[in-house]
């Protein structure tokens, strides 16, 4: 088996060498040929200098530096498109995903799956982070349309030919997990160890996770539009109910429902429902606008390591 490991890097100068030292024996044990693709997402520390040093010391390491901070998934897309070998493994740069657990993913992949997720046995996050992660997984389920979405993690292994399903994708917003569903339905998950972060704190804040979830729902799913349509139906029925109440009171009592407060409340409810629906439609129009602009998901500043036109012989 030949393996490409892709790692998005952001402010991880402290952990990169340890990650490489732990990856190498694992890859030598389970792969005939292998490479490590490190994609620097415009780090603010010395991460790129460390990548350059590592790629000069070890022939199986390649590095890419992006022109600007494009986000974790865009950095992953860059590395995935640059990968050479039959199987791609994605892993975070903070050592929360133990490299020693990679064989578990490969074993599950050998059972016929095209994509395997390493689901943490125990997550070391606070309550808000866990809550936002669950929200993200719910959004993924609506976008991916498969039950395995609840087991999604950044620790994955998949067959390289799966990337053919999104080879032409050029949108400015990227969700690797959604893109993988464009090529296959053979997903699996296996429990893996999840270690505590040793160095920097997580770059994913609650706000970023919620924004990512909303972007997935509006960028890759029509669920929000369906919610807006359902809200329209509900408030229409509510309006007919109010009209029925007014007519019944007029026929029975000879008067309509009194009070300005009642009328103002009804108008506010309907106005709010209309603005809600318009807001959702506006989000979709914004996605179309950015897609028409054809803004690339990432731009490469420089590359280090073996030549891109020949595979590395490990």
Protein backbone atom coordinates (compact mmCIF):
# COMPACT_ATOMS: atom_id res chain seq x y z
CA UNK A 1 0.00 0.00 0.00
CA UNK A 2 1.24 3.50 -0.89
CA UNK A 3 0.12 6.34 1.38
CA UNK A 4 0.01 10.14 1.23
CA UNK A 5 -0.50 11.89 4.56
CA UNK A 6 -1.89 15.42 4.25
CA UNK A 7 -1.60 17.85 7.16
CA UNK A 8 -2.98 21.42 7.17
CA UNK A 9 -0.61 23.56 9.21
CA UNK A 10 -1.39 26.72 11.15
CA UNK A 11 0.88 28.06 13.90
CA UNK A 12 2.30 24.62 14.67
CA UNK A 13 6.03 25.21 14.64
CA UNK A 14 6.36 23.52 18.04
CA UNK A 15 4.57 20.30 17.17
CA UNK A 16 5.62 19.61 13.56
CA UNK A 17 8.91 17.84 14.26
CA UNK A 18 7.33 15.62 16.89
CA UNK A 19 4.49 14.83 14.48
CA UNK A 20 6.99 13.80 11.79
CA UNK A 21 9.02 11.72 14.25
CA UNK A 22 5.90 9.81 15.28
CA UNK A 23 4.57 9.46 11.73
CA UNK A 24 7.70 7.99 10.15
CA UNK A 25 7.84 4.61 11.96
CA UNK A 26 4.10 4.13 11.47
CA UNK A 27 4.31 4.78 7.74
CA UNK A 28 7.39 2.59 7.30
CA UNK A 29 5.51 -0.21 9.01
CA UNK A 30 2.27 -0.07 6.99
CA UNK A 31 3.25 1.39 3.58
CA UNK A 32 5.53 0.42 0.71
CA UNK A 33 5.89 4.02 -0.39
CA UNK A 34 4.71 7.10 1.46
CA UNK A 35 4.89 10.87 1.60
CA UNK A 36 3.90 13.66 3.94
CA UNK A 37 2.29 16.77 2.43
CA UNK A 38 2.38 19.78 4.77
CA UNK A 39 0.25 22.77 3.72
CA UNK A 40 1.01 25.99 5.58
CA UNK A 41 -2.13 28.12 5.79
CA UNK A 42 -0.24 31.42 6.25
CA UNK A 43 0.90 30.70 9.78
CA UNK A 44 1.93 33.60 11.99
CA UNK A 45 4.82 31.72 13.60
CA UNK A 46 7.83 29.84 12.15
CA UNK A 47 5.80 26.92 10.78
CA UNK A 48 6.90 27.48 7.16
CA UNK A 49 10.58 27.64 8.15
CA UNK A 50 10.16 24.33 9.98
CA UNK A 51 8.47 22.81 6.92
CA UNK A 52 11.31 23.98 4.65
CA UNK A 53 13.83 22.46 7.05
CA UNK A 54 11.96 19.15 7.28
CA UNK A 55 11.55 18.86 3.50
CA UNK A 56 15.30 19.38 3.03
CA UNK A 57 16.15 16.78 5.66
CA UNK A 58 13.71 14.06 4.54
CA UNK A 59 12.99 13.28 0.91
CA UNK A 60 9.48 12.02 1.64
CA UNK A 61 8.21 15.38 2.92
CA UNK A 62 6.73 18.04 0.65
CA UNK A 63 5.57 21.50 1.68
CA UNK A 64 3.16 24.06 0.24
CA UNK A 65 2.76 27.62 1.47
CA UNK A 66 -0.50 29.40 0.70
CA UNK A 67 -0.65 33.08 -0.23
CA UNK A 68 -3.26 33.85 2.43
CA UNK A 69 -5.18 32.17 5.22
CA UNK A 70 -7.77 30.17 3.30
CA UNK A 71 -9.06 27.92 6.06
CA UNK A 72 -8.40 24.35 7.13
CA UNK A 73 -10.52 22.71 4.44
CA UNK A 74 -9.03 24.75 1.61
CA UNK A 75 -5.55 23.83 2.82
CA UNK A 76 -6.64 20.20 2.89
CA UNK A 77 -7.97 20.47 -0.66
CA UNK A 78 -4.58 21.80 -1.78
CA UNK A 79 -2.79 18.86 -0.19
CA UNK A 80 -5.30 16.30 -1.45
CA UNK A 81 -4.91 17.50 -5.03
CA UNK A 82 -1.12 17.36 -4.69
CA UNK A 83 -1.03 13.82 -3.24
CA UNK A 84 0.70 11.11 -5.27
CA UNK A 85 -0.27 7.78 -3.78
CA UNK A 86 -3.22 5.36 -3.65
CA UNK A 87 -4.51 6.21 -0.18
CA UNK A 88 -4.74 9.64 1.44
CA UNK A 89 -4.75 10.10 5.22
CA UNK A 90 -5.61 13.51 6.67
CA UNK A 91 -4.54 14.35 10.19
CA UNK A 92 -4.35 17.51 12.30
CA UNK A 93 -1.06 19.19 13.17
CA UNK A 94 -1.63 19.40 16.94
CA UNK A 95 -1.07 15.70 17.81
CA UNK A 96 -4.60 15.22 19.11
CA UNK A 97 -4.91 12.53 16.44
CA UNK A 98 -2.24 9.94 17.33
CA UNK A 99 -0.35 8.82 14.20
CA UNK A 100 -0.16 5.36 15.80
CA UNK A 101 -3.92 5.00 15.16
CA UNK A 102 -3.54 5.24 11.36
CA UNK A 103 -3.39 1.41 10.91
CA UNK A 104 -6.94 1.20 12.33
CA UNK A 105 -8.20 3.45 9.53
CA UNK A 106 -6.30 1.47 6.90
CA UNK A 107 -7.68 -1.80 8.26
CA UNK A 108 -11.24 -0.52 7.94
CA UNK A 109 -10.45 0.82 4.47
CA UNK A 110 -9.34 -2.69 3.47
CA UNK A 111 -12.81 -4.00 4.25
CA UNK A 112 -14.26 -2.23 1.22
CA UNK A 113 -14.97 1.33 2.35
CA UNK A 114 -13.82 4.28 0.26
CA UNK A 115 -13.73 6.74 3.17
CA UNK A 116 -13.03 5.92 6.84
CA UNK A 117 -13.30 8.38 9.74
CA UNK A 118 -11.44 8.02 13.00
CA UNK A 119 -14.07 8.82 15.63
CA UNK A 120 -12.64 9.88 19.01
CA UNK A 121 -13.37 7.44 21.81
CA UNK A 122 -13.28 10.37 24.24
CA UNK A 123 -13.10 14.03 23.25
CA UNK A 124 -11.10 16.44 25.39
CA UNK A 125 -13.18 19.58 24.85
CA UNK A 126 -15.18 21.94 27.01
CA UNK A 127 -18.97 22.04 26.96
CA UNK A 128 -19.27 24.86 24.39
CA UNK A 129 -16.80 23.19 22.03
CA UNK A 130 -18.66 19.87 22.27
CA UNK A 131 -21.98 21.66 21.67
CA UNK A 132 -20.65 23.50 18.61
CA UNK A 133 -19.10 20.28 17.25
CA UNK A 134 -22.48 18.57 17.49
CA UNK A 135 -24.09 21.48 15.68
CA UNK A 136 -21.48 21.14 12.95
CA UNK A 137 -22.21 17.43 12.62
CA UNK A 138 -25.93 18.10 12.35
CA UNK A 139 -25.19 20.57 9.58
CA UNK A 140 -22.97 17.98 7.92
CA UNK A 141 -25.74 15.41 8.09
CA UNK A 142 -28.09 17.79 6.28
CA UNK A 143 -25.42 18.56 3.67
CA UNK A 144 -24.04 15.03 3.26
CA UNK A 145 -27.34 13.20 3.52
CA UNK A 146 -25.77 10.17 5.24
CA UNK A 147 -25.90 8.86 8.81
CA UNK A 148 -22.10 8.57 9.13
CA UNK A 149 -21.98 12.39 9.35
CA UNK A 150 -22.32 12.13 13.12
CA UNK A 151 -18.94 10.32 13.16
CA UNK A 152 -17.11 12.82 10.96
CA UNK A 153 -13.69 14.00 12.12
CA UNK A 154 -10.57 15.55 10.63
CA UNK A 155 -8.83 12.18 11.03
CA UNK A 156 -9.73 10.34 7.82
CA UNK A 157 -8.41 7.88 5.28
CA UNK A 158 -9.78 7.54 1.77
CA UNK A 159 -8.87 6.18 -1.62
CA UNK A 160 -7.20 8.79 -3.78
CA UNK A 161 -9.45 8.19 -6.79
CA UNK A 162 -12.36 9.57 -4.74
CA UNK A 163 -10.97 13.07 -5.38
CA UNK A 164 -11.98 12.69 -9.03
CA UNK A 165 -15.52 13.45 -7.89
CA UNK A 166 -14.56 17.02 -7.01
CA UNK A 167 -11.60 17.57 -9.36
CA UNK A 168 -13.30 20.53 -11.05
CA UNK A 169 -14.61 22.16 -7.87
CA UNK A 170 -13.46 25.78 -7.60
CA UNK A 171 -15.84 27.36 -5.10
CA UNK A 172 -14.44 29.72 -2.47
CA UNK A 173 -16.03 27.73 0.37
CA UNK A 174 -14.77 24.17 0.87
CA UNK A 175 -16.02 21.31 3.01
CA UNK A 176 -13.94 18.20 2.35
CA UNK A 177 -16.49 15.92 4.01
CA UNK A 178 -19.28 17.13 1.74
CA UNK A 179 -17.07 16.91 -1.35
CA UNK A 180 -16.23 13.29 -0.53
CA UNK A 181 -19.95 12.43 -0.78
CA UNK A 182 -19.90 13.62 -4.40
CA UNK A 183 -17.83 10.59 -5.35
CA UNK A 184 -18.90 7.71 -3.12
CA UNK A 185 -21.44 6.37 -0.65
CA UNK A 186 -19.09 3.83 0.94
CA UNK A 187 -18.34 5.47 4.28
CA UNK A 188 -17.24 3.87 7.52
CA UNK A 189 -16.01 4.94 10.94
CA UNK A 190 -13.81 3.35 13.58
CA UNK A 191 -13.09 4.47 17.17
CA UNK A 192 -9.59 5.86 17.78
CA UNK A 193 -7.70 7.38 20.67
CA UNK A 194 -7.91 11.14 21.02
CA UNK A 195 -5.10 12.82 22.94
CA UNK A 196 -5.06 16.17 24.67
CA UNK A 197 -3.55 19.13 22.82
CA UNK A 198 0.09 19.56 23.87
CA UNK A 199 0.88 23.03 22.60
CA UNK A 200 -1.32 25.82 21.21
CA UNK A 201 -5.02 26.05 21.99
CA UNK A 202 -7.53 25.20 19.29
CA UNK A 203 -7.83 27.72 16.46
CA UNK A 204 -11.50 26.75 16.08
CA UNK A 205 -13.52 29.07 18.32
CA UNK A 206 -17.22 28.63 19.00
CA UNK A 207 -18.02 31.42 16.55
CA UNK A 208 -15.91 29.83 13.80
CA UNK A 209 -17.53 26.45 14.29
CA UNK A 210 -21.05 27.88 14.18
CA UNK A 211 -20.16 29.93 11.09
CA UNK A 212 -18.72 26.81 9.46
CA UNK A 213 -21.92 24.89 10.20
CA UNK A 214 -24.11 27.64 8.74
CA UNK A 215 -21.86 27.88 5.68
CA UNK A 216 -22.22 24.16 5.09
CA UNK A 217 -25.99 24.32 5.36
CA UNK A 218 -26.32 27.22 2.92
CA UNK A 219 -23.43 26.20 0.68
CA UNK A 220 -24.15 22.50 0.16
CA UNK A 221 -27.75 21.92 1.23
CA UNK A 222 -31.27 23.15 0.47
CA UNK A 223 -32.50 22.43 4.01
CA UNK A 224 -32.67 26.16 4.97
CA UNK A 225 -34.84 26.86 1.93
CA UNK A 226 -37.09 23.97 2.91
CA UNK A 227 -37.31 25.38 6.43
CA UNK A 228 -38.28 28.77 4.99
CA UNK A 229 -40.94 27.11 2.84
CA UNK A 230 -42.28 25.19 5.83
CA UNK A 231 -42.35 28.41 7.89
CA UNK A 232 -44.30 30.05 5.06
CA UNK A 233 -46.86 27.24 5.07
CA UNK A 234 -47.21 27.34 8.87
CA UNK A 235 -47.70 31.11 9.00
CA UNK A 236 -50.13 30.97 6.07
CA UNK A 237 -52.22 28.44 7.98
CA UNK A 238 -51.92 30.63 11.06
CA UNK A 239 -53.17 33.58 9.00
CA UNK A 240 -56.17 31.58 7.81
CA UNK A 241 -56.84 30.61 11.43
CA UNK A 242 -56.85 34.27 12.47
CA UNK A 243 -59.14 35.13 9.54
CA UNK A 244 -61.50 32.34 10.61
CA UNK A 245 -61.53 33.70 14.18
CA UNK A 246 -62.38 37.20 12.92
CA UNK A 247 -65.21 35.94 10.69
CA UNK A 248 -66.66 33.71 13.42
CA UNK A 249 -66.71 36.59 15.89
CA UNK A 250 -68.32 38.85 13.30
CA UNK A 251 -71.07 36.33 12.48
CA UNK A 252 -71.76 35.34 16.11
CA UNK A 253 -71.15 38.55 18.05
CA UNK A 254 -71.45 41.12 15.28
CA UNK A 255 -67.96 42.49 16.00
CA UNK A 256 -64.36 41.74 15.10
CA UNK A 257 -61.46 41.08 17.49
CA UNK A 258 -60.82 44.40 19.26
CA UNK A 259 -57.48 45.97 20.07
CA UNK A 260 -54.50 47.45 18.32
CA UNK A 261 -52.14 45.09 20.15
CA UNK A 262 -53.69 42.06 18.45
CA UNK A 263 -53.33 43.60 14.99
CA UNK A 264 -49.76 44.78 15.65
CA UNK A 265 -48.74 41.34 16.90
CA UNK A 266 -50.09 39.62 13.79
CA UNK A 267 -48.33 42.08 11.50
CA UNK A 268 -45.05 41.62 13.41
CA UNK A 269 -45.25 37.83 13.17
CA UNK A 270 -45.82 37.87 9.43
CA UNK A 271 -43.19 40.55 8.83
CA UNK A 272 -40.67 38.51 10.80
CA UNK A 273 -41.47 35.38 8.80
CA UNK A 274 -41.01 37.27 5.53
CA UNK A 275 -37.68 38.74 6.61
CA UNK A 276 -36.54 35.32 7.78
CA UNK A 277 -37.29 33.80 4.37
CA UNK A 278 -35.68 36.74 2.56
CA UNK A 279 -32.56 36.36 4.70
CA UNK A 280 -32.20 32.70 3.73
CA UNK A 281 -32.72 33.51 0.05
CA UNK A 282 -30.12 36.26 0.40
CA UNK A 283 -27.58 33.76 1.76
CA UNK A 284 -28.09 31.55 -1.29
CA UNK A 285 -27.79 34.52 -3.63
CA UNK A 286 -24.52 35.44 -1.90
CA UNK A 287 -23.21 31.90 -2.54
CA UNK A 288 -24.14 32.24 -6.21
CA UNK A 289 -22.43 35.63 -6.34
CA UNK A 290 -19.18 34.27 -4.94
CA UNK A 291 -19.35 31.25 -7.25
CA UNK A 292 -19.79 33.50 -10.28
CA UNK A 293 -16.74 35.50 -9.16
CA UNK A 294 -14.79 32.24 -9.57
CA UNK A 295 -12.55 33.02 -6.61
CA UNK A 296 -10.14 30.09 -6.08
CA UNK A 297 -10.26 28.26 -2.74
CA UNK A 298 -6.49 28.75 -2.31
CA UNK A 299 -3.42 30.17 -4.03
CA UNK A 300 0.03 28.60 -3.59
CA UNK A 301 2.92 30.94 -2.80
CA UNK A 302 5.75 28.42 -2.84
CA UNK A 303 6.50 24.70 -2.77
CA UNK A 304 9.28 22.69 -1.19
CA UNK A 305 10.31 19.06 -1.46
CA UNK A 306 10.67 16.52 -4.26
CA UNK A 307 9.69 17.57 -7.76
CA UNK A 308 5.95 17.48 -8.39
CA UNK A 309 6.44 15.65 -11.69
CA UNK A 310 7.91 12.44 -10.26
CA UNK A 311 6.85 10.22 -7.34
CA UNK A 312 9.15 9.96 -4.37
CA UNK A 313 10.88 6.62 -3.90
CA UNK A 314 10.99 6.03 -0.21
